[in-house]
Amino acid sequence: MFNFLIFFVMDNNFNSFNPASGADSASVQEQLVKGSLSSSNFNIVDELEEVDLDFHKYDYRSGNPAVFCCTYHKYNEGRPLAGMWMDLTTFSTYGDFIAACRWLHRDEADPEFMFLDYENYPDSLYSESGMSEAVFELIQELAELDDDEREAYEAFMDVTCESAPSMEAFRERYCGEWDSEEAFAEHLADELCMFDNVPESITRFFDFKAFAAELFMSDYDFSDGHVFRTC
């Protein structure tokens, strides 16, 4: 993973030809007129809808999740900074995000996106070679959480051993933050009214440590102070 300290935005004054060909714009146009160069590779550029890339630029001060979008072609040419930092919260849909990446690299007929770096979302959700729609939507949901909720979700990722557990599963299984397993066990006993109508002279002998050990053997998980039901 690369750590870019300078957020570089590539020049958007693209010409509708492949720069890897080594030809300049005038010579390409001349060849097209003469019919010596097929124009089929340019059709995909003509079909693209223009995207306001400035709207999607990432401001590092925002704390929003972001990726740096380059392509493998440009990277292999030795131009790893020929791309742009994109704020993932500025897109309404996954399709809008892909369309922006495509417009950014419209100088390539079939760009293979390469996400060289990322900011402000869990490591396990990052992939250099791509981002699925499910992961994109999950990252956007995470951006809406406050710091405490985001910490709890990352603890949930640890206990589930999944790279991208759903937000629905997290909310269904989360039981709050507790100082210890024993503290949660005492809370649960109270919630279940386990000792209603039982004299204190008896309840004070109850072994909450053993009760907690039983609970967290199979029914609950504890991670970084957060408790989750196992199913």
Protein backbone atom coordinates (compact mmCIF):
# COMPACT_ATOMS: atom_id res chain seq x y z
CA MET A 1 0.00 0.00 0.00
CA PHE A 2 1.25 3.43 -0.87
CA ASN A 3 1.01 6.37 1.48
CA PHE A 4 0.60 9.48 -0.63
CA LEU A 5 1.28 12.66 1.33
CA ILE A 6 0.32 14.85 -1.61
CA PHE A 7 -3.12 14.40 -3.11
CA PHE A 8 -2.43 14.72 -6.81
CA VAL A 9 -5.15 15.40 -9.31
CA MET A 10 -4.36 14.49 -12.88
CA ASP A 11 -4.85 16.90 -15.76
CA ASN A 12 -8.37 16.47 -17.07
CA ASN A 13 -7.60 17.89 -20.52
CA PHE A 14 -7.64 14.42 -22.09
CA ASN A 15 -7.56 13.93 -25.87
CA SER A 16 -9.75 11.26 -27.40
CA PHE A 17 -6.89 8.96 -28.31
CA ASN A 18 -4.71 6.41 -26.60
CA PRO A 19 -1.48 8.12 -25.41
CA ALA A 20 0.26 4.75 -25.32
CA SER A 21 0.24 4.72 -29.12
CA GLY A 22 2.95 7.37 -29.21
CA ALA A 23 1.03 9.48 -31.73
CA ASP A 24 0.04 13.05 -31.14
CA SER A 25 -3.54 14.33 -31.51
CA ALA A 26 -3.01 15.87 -34.95
CA SER A 27 -1.50 12.72 -36.46
CA VAL A 28 -4.29 10.57 -35.02
CA GLN A 29 -6.95 12.82 -36.53
CA GLU A 30 -5.12 12.79 -39.88
CA GLN A 31 -5.02 9.00 -39.91
CA LEU A 32 -8.70 8.83 -39.05
CA VAL A 33 -9.55 11.06 -41.97
CA LYS A 34 -7.44 8.94 -44.31
CA GLY A 35 -9.04 5.78 -42.99
CA SER A 36 -5.74 4.23 -41.97
CA LEU A 37 -6.68 4.07 -38.29
CA SER A 38 -9.90 2.47 -37.05
CA SER A 39 -12.15 4.74 -35.02
CA SER A 40 -13.80 1.81 -33.17
CA ASN A 41 -11.59 2.35 -30.11
CA PHE A 42 -13.00 5.84 -29.69
CA ASN A 43 -16.66 4.86 -29.51
CA ILE A 44 -16.48 4.06 -25.81
CA VAL A 45 -15.22 7.56 -25.11
CA ASP A 46 -18.07 9.09 -27.07
CA GLU A 47 -20.60 7.05 -25.07
CA LEU A 48 -19.37 8.23 -21.67
CA GLU A 49 -21.39 10.75 -19.72
CA GLU A 50 -19.36 13.68 -18.45
CA VAL A 51 -18.75 13.68 -14.70
CA ASP A 52 -17.93 16.70 -12.53
CA LEU A 53 -14.75 15.31 -10.98
CA ASP A 54 -14.18 18.40 -8.86
CA PHE A 55 -17.32 17.53 -6.90
CA HIS A 56 -15.84 14.14 -5.99
CA LYS A 57 -12.37 15.33 -4.96
CA TYR A 58 -11.28 14.18 -1.51
CA ASP A 59 -10.46 16.73 1.17
CA TYR A 60 -8.22 15.03 3.72
CA ARG A 61 -9.60 17.33 6.42
CA SER A 62 -13.08 15.82 6.03
CA GLY A 63 -12.22 12.43 7.52
CA ASN A 64 -14.43 10.78 4.89
CA PRO A 65 -13.56 7.42 3.32
CA ALA A 66 -11.64 7.80 0.07
CA VAL A 67 -9.58 5.93 -2.53
CA PHE A 68 -6.89 6.99 -4.96
CA CYS A 69 -7.96 5.76 -8.41
CA CYS A 70 -5.24 5.05 -10.95
CA THR A 71 -5.07 2.29 -13.60
CA TYR A 72 -2.69 -0.62 -14.05
CA HIS A 73 -1.77 0.73 -17.47
CA LYS A 74 -0.64 4.08 -16.11
CA TYR A 75 1.09 2.46 -13.14
CA ASN A 76 3.03 0.12 -15.43
CA GLU A 77 4.06 3.13 -17.50
CA GLY A 78 5.62 4.61 -14.37
CA ARG A 79 2.82 7.14 -13.75
CA PRO A 80 1.37 6.03 -10.38
CA LEU A 81 0.20 9.57 -9.58
CA ALA A 82 -1.87 9.83 -12.76
CA GLY A 83 -5.13 9.54 -10.90
CA MET A 84 -7.27 11.22 -8.29
CA TRP A 85 -8.33 10.91 -4.67
CA MET A 86 -12.10 10.33 -4.61
CA ASP A 87 -14.40 10.94 -1.64
CA LEU A 88 -16.68 7.88 -1.53
CA THR A 89 -19.41 9.73 0.36
CA THR A 90 -20.01 12.05 -2.62
CA PHE A 91 -21.53 9.29 -4.76
CA SER A 92 -25.21 8.38 -4.69
CA THR A 93 -24.68 4.88 -6.08
CA TYR A 94 -21.94 2.40 -6.88
CA GLY A 95 -22.68 2.97 -10.55
CA ASP A 96 -21.97 6.69 -10.14
CA PHE A 97 -18.62 5.84 -8.56
CA ILE A 98 -17.61 3.54 -11.42
CA ALA A 99 -18.78 6.11 -13.97
CA ALA A 100 -16.55 8.73 -12.33
CA CYS A 101 -13.56 6.37 -12.39
CA ARG A 102 -14.27 5.66 -16.05
CA TRP A 103 -14.54 9.35 -16.92
CA LEU A 104 -11.34 10.10 -15.03
CA HIS A 105 -9.47 7.57 -17.19
CA ARG A 106 -11.32 8.19 -20.42
CA ASP A 107 -8.00 8.30 -22.29
CA GLU A 108 -8.00 4.49 -22.04
CA ALA A 109 -10.44 2.38 -24.07
CA ASP A 110 -10.81 -0.26 -21.36
CA PRO A 111 -9.18 0.94 -18.13
CA GLU A 112 -8.35 -1.57 -15.44
CA PHE A 113 -8.76 0.42 -12.25
CA MET A 114 -6.05 0.26 -9.60
CA PHE A 115 -6.84 1.69 -6.18
CA LEU A 116 -3.37 2.55 -4.98
CA ASP A 117 -4.28 3.90 -1.56
CA TYR A 118 -7.25 4.44 0.74
CA GLU A 119 -8.25 6.47 3.77
CA ASN A 120 -10.70 6.23 6.67
CA TYR A 121 -12.20 2.77 6.38
CA PRO A 122 -11.16 -0.67 7.71
CA ASP A 123 -8.14 -2.38 6.17
CA SER A 124 -10.10 -5.56 5.47
CA LEU A 125 -12.42 -3.69 3.09
CA TYR A 126 -9.56 -2.46 0.92
CA SER A 127 -8.54 -4.13 -2.33
CA GLU A 128 -6.05 -2.69 -4.77
CA SER A 129 -7.66 -4.36 -7.76
CA GLY A 130 -11.28 -3.39 -7.23
CA MET A 131 -14.25 -2.68 -5.01
CA SER A 132 -17.53 -4.60 -5.09
CA GLU A 133 -20.89 -2.91 -4.82
CA ALA A 134 -21.50 -4.55 -1.43
CA VAL A 135 -18.22 -3.22 -0.03
CA PHE A 136 -18.85 0.24 -1.50
CA GLU A 137 -22.28 0.43 0.17
CA LEU A 138 -20.87 -0.86 3.46
CA ILE A 139 -18.15 1.81 3.45
CA GLN A 140 -20.81 4.47 2.93
CA GLU A 141 -22.84 3.07 5.84
CA LEU A 142 -19.74 3.10 8.05
CA ALA A 143 -19.20 6.75 7.19
CA GLU A 144 -22.56 7.56 8.78
CA LEU A 145 -21.62 6.00 12.13
CA ASP A 146 -20.16 7.99 14.98
CA ASP A 147 -16.74 7.09 16.38
CA ASP A 148 -18.09 4.78 19.09
CA GLU A 149 -20.29 2.87 16.64
CA ARG A 150 -17.44 2.54 14.16
CA GLU A 151 -15.21 1.14 16.90
CA ALA A 152 -17.92 -1.35 17.81
CA TYR A 153 -18.30 -2.44 14.19
CA GLU A 154 -14.57 -3.04 13.87
CA ALA A 155 -14.72 -5.17 17.02
CA PHE A 156 -17.57 -7.09 15.39
CA MET A 157 -15.37 -7.74 12.37
CA ASP A 158 -12.80 -9.31 14.69
CA VAL A 159 -15.23 -11.71 16.34
CA THR A 160 -16.98 -12.76 13.12
CA CYS A 161 -13.73 -13.29 11.21
CA GLU A 162 -15.49 -11.83 8.16
CA SER A 163 -13.92 -9.15 6.01
CA ALA A 164 -17.22 -7.34 5.42
CA PRO A 165 -20.05 -8.36 7.79
CA SER A 166 -23.33 -6.62 7.04
CA MET A 167 -24.49 -3.63 9.02
CA GLU A 168 -27.77 -5.45 9.65
CA ALA A 169 -25.97 -8.36 11.31
CA PHE A 170 -23.91 -5.95 13.39
CA ARG A 171 -26.97 -4.11 14.71
CA GLU A 172 -28.86 -7.33 15.45
CA ARG A 173 -26.03 -8.90 17.42
CA TYR A 174 -24.54 -5.91 19.23
CA CYS A 175 -25.20 -5.90 22.99
CA GLY A 176 -23.31 -2.81 24.02
CA GLU A 177 -20.04 -1.87 25.63
CA TRP A 178 -19.04 -3.36 29.00
CA ASP A 179 -16.06 -3.22 31.33
CA SER A 180 -15.77 -7.00 31.42
CA GLU A 181 -17.53 -10.24 30.61
CA GLU A 182 -18.58 -10.47 34.26
CA ALA A 183 -20.14 -6.99 34.17
CA PHE A 184 -22.25 -8.04 31.21
CA ALA A 185 -23.22 -11.26 32.98
CA GLU A 186 -24.48 -9.26 35.98
CA HIS A 187 -26.46 -7.01 33.65
CA LEU A 188 -28.00 -9.99 31.88
CA ALA A 189 -28.98 -11.62 35.14
CA ASP A 190 -30.75 -8.42 36.11
CA GLU A 191 -32.45 -8.15 32.70
CA LEU A 192 -33.70 -11.74 32.98
CA CYS A 193 -34.96 -11.15 36.54
CA MET A 194 -33.00 -14.19 37.62
CA PHE A 195 -33.03 -13.22 41.27
CA ASP A 196 -36.49 -11.74 41.67
CA ASN A 197 -37.97 -12.83 44.99
CA VAL A 198 -34.67 -14.43 45.94
CA PRO A 199 -33.23 -13.21 49.26
CA GLU A 200 -30.00 -11.21 49.03
CA SER A 201 -28.51 -13.56 51.61
CA ILE A 202 -28.60 -16.19 48.86
CA THR A 203 -27.86 -14.14 45.72
CA ARG A 204 -24.65 -12.73 47.16
CA PHE A 205 -23.17 -16.20 46.92
CA PHE A 206 -23.90 -16.49 43.20
CA ASP A 207 -20.75 -17.01 41.11
CA PHE A 208 -21.01 -14.39 38.36
CA LYS A 209 -17.53 -15.23 37.11
CA ALA A 210 -18.55 -18.79 36.38
CA PHE A 211 -21.84 -17.56 34.90
CA ALA A 212 -19.94 -15.23 32.56
CA ALA A 213 -17.56 -18.01 31.52
CA GLU A 214 -20.56 -20.13 30.55
CA LEU A 215 -22.20 -17.31 28.59
CA PHE A 216 -19.08 -16.46 26.63
CA MET A 217 -18.27 -20.07 25.89
CA SER A 218 -20.90 -20.26 23.15
CA ASP A 219 -23.66 -17.63 23.33
CA TYR A 220 -21.71 -14.34 23.34
CA ASP A 221 -18.43 -12.87 22.15
CA PHE A 222 -16.37 -10.16 23.85
CA SER A 223 -13.95 -7.94 21.90
CA ASP A 224 -12.33 -4.65 22.98
CA GLY A 225 -15.05 -4.07 25.57
CA HIS A 226 -17.91 -4.82 23.16
CA VAL A 227 -20.34 -7.73 23.50
CA PHE A 228 -22.05 -9.54 20.63
CA ARG A 229 -24.48 -12.45 20.41
CA THR A 230 -22.93 -15.31 18.49
CA CYS A 231 -26.05 -15.80 16.36
